[in-house]
Protein backbone atom coordinates (compact mmCIF):
# COMPACT_ATOMS: atom_id res chain seq x y z
CA ASP A 1 13.80 11.96 -3.21
CA LYS A 2 17.03 10.32 -2.07
CA ALA A 3 18.81 10.85 1.21
CA SER A 4 22.53 11.61 1.54
CA GLY A 5 23.43 7.93 1.65
CA ASN A 6 25.04 8.22 5.08
CA ILE A 7 22.15 6.38 6.74
CA ASP A 8 21.05 2.82 6.01
CA LEU A 9 17.28 2.59 6.66
CA ARG A 10 15.70 -0.84 7.10
CA PHE A 11 12.20 -1.91 8.06
CA CYS A 12 10.78 -4.94 9.84
CA ALA A 13 7.04 -5.51 10.26
CA ASN A 14 6.55 -9.26 10.08
CA VAL A 15 6.45 -11.78 12.91
CA ASP A 16 8.41 -14.18 10.68
CA PRO A 17 11.83 -14.29 12.44
CA PHE A 18 13.64 -13.92 9.12
CA ASP A 19 12.20 -10.45 8.63
CA LEU A 20 14.11 -9.08 11.61
CA ASP A 21 17.17 -11.22 10.85
CA ARG A 22 17.29 -9.73 7.36
CA ALA A 23 16.84 -6.19 8.69
CA MET A 24 19.65 -6.52 11.26
CA HIS A 25 22.06 -8.50 9.09
CA GLY A 26 25.47 -6.86 8.98
CA LEU A 27 24.55 -3.94 11.25
CA ASP A 28 26.88 -2.55 13.89
CA PRO A 29 24.75 -2.14 17.07
CA THR A 30 27.00 0.69 18.27
CA ARG A 31 25.96 2.68 15.19
CA THR A 32 22.32 1.58 15.03
CA LEU A 33 19.13 3.28 16.24
CA VAL A 34 16.15 0.93 16.66
CA ILE A 35 12.78 2.67 16.34
CA GLY A 36 9.65 0.85 17.47
CA VAL A 37 6.32 2.26 16.25
CA SER A 38 3.07 1.07 17.80
CA LYS A 39 0.04 3.25 18.44
CA SER A 40 -1.36 1.00 21.19
CA PHE A 41 1.99 -0.49 22.15
CA GLY A 42 0.15 -3.78 22.29
CA THR A 43 0.62 -5.09 18.75
CA GLU A 44 2.12 -8.57 19.13
CA GLU A 45 4.25 -8.56 15.98
CA THR A 46 5.80 -5.19 16.81
CA LEU A 47 6.56 -6.08 20.44
CA TYR A 48 8.00 -9.46 19.44
CA ASN A 49 10.47 -7.87 17.04
CA LEU A 50 11.17 -4.96 19.36
CA ALA A 51 12.04 -7.29 22.23
CA ARG A 52 14.48 -9.21 20.05
CA ALA A 53 16.06 -5.98 18.83
CA ARG A 54 16.37 -4.68 22.39
CA THR A 55 18.10 -7.88 23.48
CA TRP A 56 20.47 -7.55 20.52
CA LEU A 57 21.33 -4.01 21.61
CA GLU A 58 21.75 -4.91 25.27
CA GLU A 59 24.05 -7.81 24.49
CA SER A 60 26.26 -5.53 22.42
CA VAL A 61 26.24 -2.09 24.02
CA GLY A 62 24.97 -2.86 27.51
CA ASP A 63 23.96 0.20 29.53
CA GLN A 64 24.28 2.40 26.47
CA SER A 65 21.41 0.56 24.73
CA GLN A 66 18.95 3.22 25.91
CA GLN A 67 20.61 5.68 23.55
CA HIS A 68 19.97 3.30 20.65
CA LEU A 69 16.23 2.75 21.22
CA ALA A 70 13.33 5.05 20.34
CA LEU A 71 9.61 4.33 20.78
CA VAL A 72 6.72 6.06 19.01
CA THR A 73 3.33 5.46 20.58
CA ALA A 74 0.01 6.93 21.68
CA ASN A 75 0.29 4.87 24.88
CA PRO A 76 3.49 6.09 26.60
CA ASP A 77 2.52 4.50 29.94
CA ARG A 78 2.41 1.04 28.38
CA ALA A 79 5.67 1.74 26.57
CA LYS A 80 7.37 2.74 29.83
CA ALA A 81 6.00 -0.37 31.53
CA TRP A 82 7.46 -2.46 28.69
CA LEU A 83 10.83 -0.80 29.28
CA ASN A 84 10.65 -2.09 32.87
CA GLY A 85 12.74 0.67 34.35
CA ARG A 86 15.06 1.03 31.38
CA GLU A 87 15.34 4.28 29.47
CA ALA A 88 14.57 5.06 25.84
CA HIS A 89 13.61 7.99 23.65
CA VAL A 90 9.78 8.13 23.61
CA PHE A 91 7.86 10.13 21.00
CA ASP A 92 4.16 10.86 21.24
CA MET A 93 1.71 9.86 18.52
CA PRO A 94 -1.79 11.42 18.69
CA LEU A 95 -4.41 8.93 19.78
CA SER A 96 -6.80 10.23 17.13
CA VAL A 97 -4.46 9.30 14.26
CA GLY A 98 -5.12 5.92 12.67
CA GLY A 99 -2.07 3.85 11.87
CA ARG A 100 -2.63 3.94 8.10
CA PHE A 101 -3.00 7.73 8.23
CA SER A 102 0.03 8.26 10.49
CA LEU A 103 2.69 9.18 7.93
CA TRP A 104 2.41 12.84 8.98
CA SER A 105 3.13 12.09 12.66
CA ALA A 106 6.14 10.90 14.65
CA ALA A 107 5.39 7.45 13.20
CA SER A 108 7.59 8.66 10.32
CA LEU A 109 10.54 9.35 12.61
CA ALA A 110 12.77 6.92 10.72
CA CYS A 111 11.88 8.54 7.39
CA MET A 112 12.45 12.02 8.83
CA ILE A 113 15.95 11.02 9.95
CA TYR A 114 16.74 9.25 6.69
CA LEU A 115 15.37 11.87 4.28
CA GLY A 116 16.34 14.92 6.30
CA ALA A 117 14.18 17.67 7.73
CA ASP A 118 13.99 19.75 4.54
CA THR A 119 12.82 16.85 2.39
CA PHE A 120 10.22 15.71 4.90
CA GLU A 121 9.06 19.30 5.30
CA GLY A 122 8.46 19.33 1.55
CA ILE A 123 6.25 16.25 1.85
CA LEU A 124 4.26 17.92 4.65
CA LYS A 125 3.81 21.10 2.60
CA GLY A 126 2.50 19.11 -0.36
CA ALA A 127 0.01 17.35 1.88
CA ALA A 128 -1.08 20.65 3.43
CA GLU A 129 -1.78 22.11 0.01
CA MET A 130 -3.88 19.07 -0.91
CA ASP A 131 -5.73 19.39 2.41
CA ALA A 132 -6.57 22.98 1.52
CA HIS A 133 -7.71 21.99 -1.97
CA VAL A 134 -10.03 19.24 -0.73
CA ARG A 135 -11.42 21.53 1.96
CA SER A 136 -12.19 24.47 -0.33
CA ALA A 137 -12.46 23.37 -3.97
CA PRO A 138 -15.98 23.16 -5.48
CA LEU A 139 -17.22 19.60 -5.74
CA GLU A 140 -16.98 19.52 -9.54
CA GLU A 141 -13.30 20.54 -9.31
CA ASN A 142 -12.43 18.65 -6.14
CA ALA A 143 -9.89 15.95 -6.98
CA ALA A 144 -10.71 13.73 -3.99
CA MET A 145 -14.44 13.92 -4.68
CA ARG A 146 -14.04 13.17 -8.37
CA LEU A 147 -11.81 10.15 -7.71
CA ALA A 148 -14.12 8.86 -4.96
CA LEU A 149 -17.12 9.15 -7.28
CA LEU A 150 -15.19 7.25 -9.95
CA ASP A 151 -14.47 4.52 -7.39
CA TYR A 152 -18.15 4.40 -6.47
CA TRP A 153 -19.18 4.25 -10.11
CA ASN A 154 -16.71 1.50 -11.00
CA ALA A 155 -16.88 -0.67 -7.88
CA THR A 156 -20.48 -0.18 -6.75
CA ILE A 157 -22.53 0.69 -9.81
CA ARG A 158 -20.61 -1.18 -12.52
CA ASN A 159 -19.37 -3.92 -10.17
CA GLU A 160 -15.79 -3.55 -11.42
CA LYS A 161 -14.18 -3.93 -8.04
CA MET A 162 -10.49 -4.50 -8.82
CA PRO A 163 -8.77 -1.19 -9.67
CA ASP A 164 -5.22 -1.49 -10.92
CA LEU A 165 -2.68 1.16 -9.86
CA LEU A 166 0.07 1.65 -12.43
CA ALA A 167 2.71 4.17 -11.43
CA TYR A 168 5.17 4.87 -14.24
CA ALA A 169 7.90 5.69 -11.74
CA ASN A 170 10.25 3.25 -10.06
CA ARG A 171 10.32 5.63 -7.09
CA LEU A 172 6.61 4.81 -6.57
CA ARG A 173 7.04 1.04 -6.85
CA MET A 174 5.71 0.48 -3.31
CA LEU A 175 2.72 2.81 -3.70
CA PRO A 176 0.21 0.03 -4.61
CA THR A 177 1.16 -1.89 -1.47
CA TYR A 178 0.87 1.26 0.64
CA LEU A 179 -2.55 2.05 -0.80
CA GLN A 180 -3.79 -1.50 -0.30
CA GLN A 181 -3.81 -0.95 3.44
CA LEU A 182 -5.12 2.60 3.15
CA GLU A 183 -8.05 1.57 0.95
CA MET A 184 -8.94 -1.98 1.94
CA GLU A 185 -8.44 -1.68 5.69
CA SER A 186 -10.44 1.54 5.66
CA ASN A 187 -13.34 0.74 3.35
CA GLY A 188 -13.40 -3.05 3.31
CA LYS A 189 -16.63 -3.14 5.35
CA SER A 190 -20.03 -4.74 4.88
CA THR A 191 -21.77 -2.92 7.75
CA GLN A 192 -22.79 0.71 7.49
CA ILE A 193 -22.44 3.27 10.27
CA ASP A 194 -26.06 2.73 11.40
CA GLY A 195 -25.44 -1.01 11.84
CA THR A 196 -27.31 -2.14 8.71
CA ASP A 197 -25.80 -4.31 6.00
CA ALA A 198 -24.41 -2.40 3.03
CA PRO A 199 -26.72 -3.11 0.06
CA PHE A 200 -23.87 -2.78 -2.46
CA ASN A 201 -20.19 -3.49 -3.01
CA THR A 202 -17.91 -1.38 -0.83
CA GLY A 203 -14.10 -1.24 -0.78
CA PRO A 204 -12.37 -2.17 -4.04
CA VAL A 205 -9.52 -4.67 -4.26
CA VAL A 206 -6.41 -2.55 -4.91
CA TRP A 207 -3.43 -4.01 -6.72
CA GLY A 208 -0.77 -2.94 -9.17
CA ALA A 209 2.90 -2.61 -10.04
CA PRO A 210 5.32 -0.20 -11.70
CA GLY A 211 3.94 0.53 -15.15
CA THR A 212 6.48 -0.95 -17.53
CA ASN A 213 6.88 -4.03 -15.30
CA GLY A 214 3.14 -4.62 -15.48
CA GLN A 215 3.17 -4.34 -19.26
CA HIS A 216 5.09 -7.62 -19.35
CA ALA A 217 2.99 -9.26 -16.64
CA PHE A 218 -0.74 -8.60 -16.38
CA TYR A 219 -1.60 -6.00 -19.03
CA GLN A 220 -2.73 -8.84 -21.28
CA LEU A 221 -5.58 -9.52 -18.86
CA ILE A 222 -6.43 -5.81 -18.66
CA HIS A 223 -6.64 -5.35 -22.42
CA GLN A 224 -8.21 -8.61 -23.60
CA GLY A 225 -9.40 -10.48 -20.51
CA THR A 226 -13.03 -11.18 -19.70
CA ARG A 227 -12.94 -8.92 -16.63
CA ILE A 228 -13.12 -5.15 -16.93
CA ILE A 229 -10.48 -3.72 -14.59
CA PRO A 230 -10.40 0.06 -14.00
CA CYS A 231 -6.83 1.33 -14.30
CA GLU A 232 -5.17 4.32 -12.71
CA PHE A 233 -1.95 5.62 -14.24
CA LEU A 234 0.52 8.01 -12.61
CA ILE A 235 3.12 9.79 -14.71
CA ALA A 236 5.49 12.74 -14.31
CA ALA A 237 6.08 15.23 -17.12
CA ASN A 238 9.77 15.40 -16.16
CA GLY A 239 12.29 12.84 -14.95
CA HIS A 240 15.06 13.23 -12.38
CA GLU A 241 17.93 12.36 -14.72
CA PRO A 242 18.62 15.37 -16.99
CA ASP A 243 21.00 13.39 -19.19
CA LEU A 244 18.36 10.69 -19.80
CA THR A 245 15.42 12.76 -21.01
CA HIS A 246 14.91 10.42 -23.98
CA HIS A 247 14.37 7.52 -21.59
CA HIS A 248 11.78 9.48 -19.65
CA LYS A 249 9.97 10.45 -22.85
CA LEU A 250 9.85 6.75 -23.71
CA LEU A 251 8.34 6.11 -20.28
CA VAL A 252 5.69 8.79 -20.88
CA ALA A 253 4.90 7.37 -24.33
CA ASN A 254 4.37 3.91 -22.82
CA CYS A 255 2.03 5.27 -20.16
CA LEU A 256 -0.11 7.33 -22.53
CA ALA A 257 -0.20 4.53 -25.09
CA GLN A 258 -1.69 2.12 -22.57
CA SER A 259 -4.52 4.44 -21.58
CA GLU A 260 -5.18 5.20 -25.25
CA ALA A 261 -5.28 1.49 -26.08
CA LEU A 262 -7.71 0.82 -23.23
CA MET A 263 -9.99 3.55 -24.52
CA ARG A 264 -9.76 2.95 -28.31
CA GLY A 265 -9.23 -0.78 -28.53
CA ARG A 266 -8.98 -2.39 -31.95
CA SER A 267 -11.94 -3.55 -34.02
CA LEU A 268 -12.12 -6.78 -36.03
CA SER A 269 -12.03 -4.71 -39.21
CA GLU A 270 -8.83 -3.00 -38.14
CA ALA A 271 -7.26 -6.29 -37.10
CA SER A 272 -8.26 -7.88 -40.42
CA THR A 273 -6.63 -5.02 -42.34
CA LEU A 274 -3.47 -5.51 -40.27
CA MET A 275 -3.36 -9.25 -41.03
CA ALA A 276 -4.05 -8.72 -44.72
CA ALA A 277 -1.05 -6.39 -44.85
CA ARG A 278 1.02 -9.32 -43.59
CA GLY A 279 -0.14 -11.47 -46.49
CA LEU A 280 -2.74 -13.61 -44.72
CA THR A 281 -5.99 -14.57 -46.46
CA GLY A 282 -9.18 -16.54 -45.93
CA ALA A 283 -9.85 -18.50 -42.75
CA GLU A 284 -6.33 -17.97 -41.41
CA LEU A 285 -6.66 -14.21 -41.78
CA ASP A 286 -9.95 -14.29 -39.88
CA ARG A 287 -8.51 -16.52 -37.13
CA GLN A 288 -5.42 -14.39 -36.61
CA ALA A 289 -7.43 -11.16 -36.71
CA ARG A 290 -9.78 -12.30 -33.94
CA HIS A 291 -6.85 -12.83 -31.61
CA ARG A 292 -5.83 -9.21 -32.16
CA VAL A 293 -9.17 -7.61 -31.34
CA PHE A 294 -9.19 -5.32 -28.29
CA PRO A 295 -12.65 -4.48 -26.90
CA GLY A 296 -11.66 -0.95 -25.87
CA ASN A 297 -13.95 1.36 -23.87
CA ARG A 298 -12.20 0.15 -20.71
CA PRO A 299 -12.03 2.72 -17.90
CA SER A 300 -8.82 4.40 -16.86
CA THR A 301 -7.72 7.54 -15.04
CA THR A 302 -4.37 9.27 -15.45
CA LEU A 303 -2.85 11.45 -12.74
CA ALA A 304 -0.13 13.59 -14.32
CA TYR A 305 2.17 15.93 -12.41
CA PRO A 306 5.24 18.04 -13.28
CA LEU A 307 7.90 16.17 -11.25
CA LEU A 308 7.91 13.56 -8.50
CA ASP A 309 9.52 15.69 -5.79
CA PRO A 310 8.77 15.65 -2.03
CA PHE A 311 6.02 18.25 -2.43
CA THR A 312 4.25 16.21 -5.11
CA LEU A 313 4.62 12.99 -3.12
CA GLY A 314 2.89 14.68 -0.19
CA GLN A 315 0.10 15.80 -2.51
CA ILE A 316 -0.37 12.30 -3.91
CA ILE A 317 -0.55 10.54 -0.55
CA ALA A 318 -2.88 13.16 0.95
CA LEU A 319 -5.11 12.96 -2.14
CA TYR A 320 -5.52 9.22 -1.71
CA GLU A 321 -6.27 9.64 2.01
CA HIS A 322 -9.00 12.20 1.33
CA ARG A 323 -10.33 10.04 -1.48
CA VAL A 324 -10.73 7.10 0.90
CA PHE A 325 -12.52 9.31 3.43
CA VAL A 326 -14.94 10.74 0.84
CA GLU A 327 -15.59 7.25 -0.53
CA GLY A 328 -16.47 6.08 2.99
CA ILE A 329 -18.95 8.93 3.36
CA ILE A 330 -20.59 8.04 0.04
CA LEU A 331 -20.80 4.38 1.06
CA GLY A 332 -22.12 5.23 4.53
CA ILE A 333 -19.37 3.32 6.33
CA ASN A 334 -16.77 4.24 8.95
CA SER A 335 -13.37 4.36 7.23
CA TYR A 336 -11.53 4.61 10.54
CA ASP A 337 -12.36 1.39 12.36
CA GLN A 338 -10.81 -1.97 11.49
CA TRP A 339 -12.70 -4.69 13.31
CA GLY A 340 -11.92 -7.12 10.51
CA VAL A 341 -8.35 -7.21 11.77
CA GLU A 342 -9.34 -8.19 15.31
CA LEU A 343 -10.85 -11.66 14.84
CA GLY A 344 -7.68 -13.15 13.42
CA LYS A 345 -5.66 -11.66 16.27
CA GLU A 346 -8.05 -13.10 18.86
CA LEU A 347 -7.97 -16.56 17.29
CA ALA A 348 -4.17 -16.44 17.00
CA THR A 349 -3.97 -15.77 20.74
CA SER A 350 -6.21 -18.75 21.50
CA LEU A 351 -4.26 -20.96 19.08
CA GLN A 352 -0.84 -20.15 20.54
CA PRO A 353 -1.02 -22.68 23.43
CA VAL A 354 -2.41 -25.27 21.01
CA ILE A 355 0.52 -24.79 18.62
CA ASP A 356 2.89 -24.90 21.61
CA GLY A 357 1.43 -28.29 22.53
CA ALA A 358 0.16 -27.10 25.92
CA GLN A 359 -3.48 -27.64 24.93
CA PRO A 360 -5.24 -30.04 22.54
CA PRO A 361 -7.20 -28.56 19.60
CA THR A 362 -10.44 -29.28 21.42
CA GLY A 363 -13.38 -27.36 20.04
CA LYS A 364 -11.60 -26.40 16.86
CA ASP A 365 -13.22 -27.10 13.52
CA GLY A 366 -12.06 -30.14 11.57
CA SER A 367 -9.95 -28.16 9.13
CA THR A 368 -8.09 -26.21 11.81
CA ALA A 369 -7.60 -29.30 13.98
CA ALA A 370 -6.17 -31.23 11.02
CA LEU A 371 -3.76 -28.41 10.22
CA VAL A 372 -2.67 -28.19 13.88
CA ASN A 373 -2.02 -31.94 13.91
CA PHE A 374 -0.01 -31.69 10.68
CA ILE A 375 2.15 -28.90 12.10
CA ALA A 376 2.66 -30.87 15.33
CA ARG A 377 3.74 -34.01 13.44
CA HIS A 378 6.26 -32.16 11.33
CA ALA A 379 7.60 -29.63 13.86
CA ASP A 380 11.09 -30.23 15.25
């Protein structure tokens, strides 16, 4: 859904200075609200950007900067300490809510403001209905269970561990990126809950793009490549533009055609008949036909819904969250920890004084030491 257009919403999540520069470019600080979201209020990238944004506000609006700053956190004491006596709007985030499952909390404050209360309420209602379905539906009719079992079958049993998410909706163009964190940070584990090594493949590698964009990019690999890649299509029965229904029907036709092609394929006999109709004969006919063979029998799932409205969006996101949870149960892993994120953070902290030149790269492996020396030689 689209907001009124009266609010310009921008995001910054990267420690690369350009990310914040791009987000703040052209903004009037007197008409800007900066919202910092950090569950622990200790995430380095968030605090780095937040400190720069606070300085930008203070330099422009002075004592009024407190009215332009909001913090969302499960650690309000640390947030208040960071403010160092200054004021700001502070919103609580439940400690039990993981960051990648936090859309339903005050972590979505910016989206609530941008979309409006009614629209965001629609998203929450859709999620609540999906919660009720997953909680009460019989296993054979339970959407989250069925999708999780498909993931287990494809990634663990068949070893096809790279599902491709293909949303035939420009409004869902960022969904694959969103689900990458949800799936891979949750179930990308090799240790089971009891501390033993998982004896099988766990979290799949999620990737994808808007459907028709992908058709001109990587569908060739999906249809005729040597890897079998499970595909998941999303399509709405209705579009949002009533005067462009033909365009939406074309979109639907493209989506359904791709899943049909993955299932049916094209045999050598069919390809040979096609080439013969074009006037080819003999060895050239056989050569050209072989290039047009599609193996078929390649797995895909299609999620179809009436219209991509706020309610449906809430259903979709909640469905994927429950799917990840059920998959974790099947795999015997904890979907809610993320220790794989910690090592890189710890090493980055130890490398900071080395990159600053305050310490030599003593004790670092040869590769890291060589990279540090290269950076040092070429840094201004």
